[in-house]
Amino acid sequence: MKNLTFHIVGLTHNDVKGHEVEYAKEAEGRTICLVPDDANTFDMLAVKAYDKQLLIGYVSALEGEDVRALIIARKERNLRAIEDFHRMEREV
């Protein structure tokens, strides 16, 4: 298996806004759900990152295409990954 490493951006603009530092400390090891954002008119390759019901941010624009390709290749609607704020990766 290979690892796909990606970065989550936008914590300061979404559901954890205002407590992103505390969130990052507590979220280590949680499973996040990556979902293509097909309604995003600014970025056709955007991928949202959710921790349960919380929108925590987006996969970095530079890595969104790779994450989307993996979701499509697996014929899934989303992808689950383990949260590691030092290193976000998904075994593939």
Protein backbone atom coordinates (compact mmCIF):
# COMPACT_ATOMS: atom_id res chain seq x y z
CA MET A 1 0.00 0.00 0.00
CA LYS A 2 1.06 3.55 -0.71
CA ASN A 3 0.33 6.64 1.33
CA LEU A 4 -1.33 9.70 -0.07
CA THR A 5 -0.36 12.76 1.96
CA PHE A 6 -2.46 15.90 1.78
CA HIS A 7 -3.08 19.11 3.69
CA ILE A 8 -6.32 20.47 5.07
CA VAL A 9 -6.65 24.23 4.70
CA GLY A 10 -9.24 26.75 5.85
CA LEU A 11 -9.71 25.78 9.49
CA THR A 12 -9.97 29.48 10.33
CA HIS A 13 -12.89 29.93 7.90
CA ASN A 14 -15.21 27.00 8.65
CA ASP A 15 -17.01 25.27 11.53
CA VAL A 16 -13.97 25.30 13.83
CA LYS A 17 -13.34 29.01 13.30
CA GLY A 18 -12.29 30.65 16.54
CA HIS A 19 -11.12 27.44 18.19
CA GLU A 20 -8.97 25.88 15.48
CA VAL A 21 -5.93 25.47 17.78
CA GLU A 22 -7.96 23.60 20.41
CA TYR A 23 -9.60 21.54 17.67
CA ALA A 24 -6.23 20.57 16.19
CA LYS A 25 -4.97 19.43 19.60
CA GLU A 26 -8.05 17.27 20.25
CA ALA A 27 -8.57 15.91 16.74
CA GLU A 28 -5.38 13.88 16.43
CA GLY A 29 -6.23 10.34 15.28
CA ARG A 30 -9.85 11.00 14.37
CA THR A 31 -11.28 9.76 11.10
CA ILE A 32 -12.21 12.50 8.67
CA CYS A 33 -14.43 12.20 5.63
CA LEU A 34 -13.31 13.76 2.35
CA VAL A 35 -16.15 14.69 0.01
CA PRO A 36 -15.89 16.26 -3.47
CA ASP A 37 -17.53 19.70 -3.50
CA ASP A 38 -19.26 19.57 -6.87
CA ALA A 39 -21.19 22.78 -6.13
CA ASN A 40 -18.01 24.86 -5.75
CA THR A 41 -18.05 27.37 -8.61
CA PHE A 42 -14.56 28.64 -7.81
CA ASP A 43 -12.72 25.31 -7.75
CA MET A 44 -14.00 22.37 -9.82
CA LEU A 45 -11.63 20.02 -7.97
CA ALA A 46 -12.48 21.14 -4.43
CA VAL A 47 -12.74 18.46 -1.74
CA LYS A 48 -14.36 19.21 1.63
CA ALA A 49 -13.01 17.71 4.87
CA TYR A 50 -15.51 16.75 7.59
CA ASP A 51 -15.01 15.57 11.15
CA LYS A 52 -18.41 14.01 11.82
CA GLN A 53 -20.79 16.90 11.09
CA LEU A 54 -18.15 19.66 11.27
CA LEU A 55 -16.81 21.12 8.05
CA ILE A 56 -13.19 21.59 9.11
CA GLY A 57 -11.80 22.79 5.78
CA TYR A 58 -10.74 21.69 2.33
CA VAL A 59 -8.00 19.54 0.87
CA SER A 60 -5.32 21.90 -0.44
CA ALA A 61 -5.99 22.98 -4.03
CA LEU A 62 -2.64 21.51 -5.09
CA GLU A 63 -3.69 18.08 -3.80
CA GLY A 64 -7.42 18.10 -4.47
CA GLU A 65 -7.09 16.55 -7.91
CA ASP A 66 -5.20 13.53 -6.51
CA VAL A 67 -7.75 13.00 -3.74
CA ARG A 68 -10.66 13.29 -6.20
CA ALA A 69 -8.98 10.83 -8.56
CA LEU A 70 -8.63 8.33 -5.70
CA ILE A 71 -12.31 8.69 -4.78
CA ILE A 72 -13.33 8.15 -8.41
CA ALA A 73 -10.95 5.21 -8.88
CA ARG A 74 -12.46 3.50 -5.84
CA LYS A 75 -15.97 4.19 -7.17
CA GLU A 76 -16.86 5.82 -3.87
CA ARG A 77 -18.70 9.03 -2.98
CA ASN A 78 -16.17 9.96 -0.31
CA LEU A 79 -12.92 8.88 1.29
CA ARG A 80 -12.09 8.31 4.95
CA ALA A 81 -8.67 9.25 6.33
CA ILE A 82 -6.99 9.44 9.74
CA GLU A 83 -6.37 12.95 11.02
CA ASP A 84 -2.77 13.73 11.82
CA PHE A 85 -2.01 17.43 12.01
CA HIS A 86 1.64 16.75 11.61
CA ARG A 87 0.94 14.58 8.61
CA MET A 88 -2.36 13.85 6.85
CA GLU A 89 -2.23 10.66 4.86
CA ARG A 90 -4.36 7.93 3.45
CA GLU A 91 -3.11 4.43 2.76
CA VAL A 92 -4.02 3.38 -0.77
